[in-house]
Amino acid sequence: MKGYQLTTEAQRDLDAIAEYIAIEANVERAIAVLHEFRTEFRKLAEMPGMGHFREDLLDRRFKFWTVYSYVVVYRWESTPIQVIAIVHGARDLDAFFARRPPG
């Protein structure tokens, strides 16, 4: 069965994004964004080759996919796929992964 799993850290990322949007916009917008993320996670699970590698950041076990201005990082060869991080694309990704290496 295809599917996706969020690591504890990725779930925290998603929660923080939803909280930020709920405060800056409104709860309805936050719910819509969460729905869009989950739709994209399901797409990635169905076609885990989607996205691109960033070998400057992580090895080829990980793929990167953009949703809005966020980068979804996932283990694409695992079943189910494993989302390890959801981070704003404007962040310094080198510094982010230096502080939070994938498990």
Foldseek 3Di string as FASTA:
>chain_A
DFAEAEDPAAVVQLVVQLVVCCVVPRNVVSVVLSVQVRVVRVVCRVPVVPAADDVVAPDPQWGWDDDPQWIWIWRSPDGHIYTYHIGGNVDPSNVVCVVPPGD
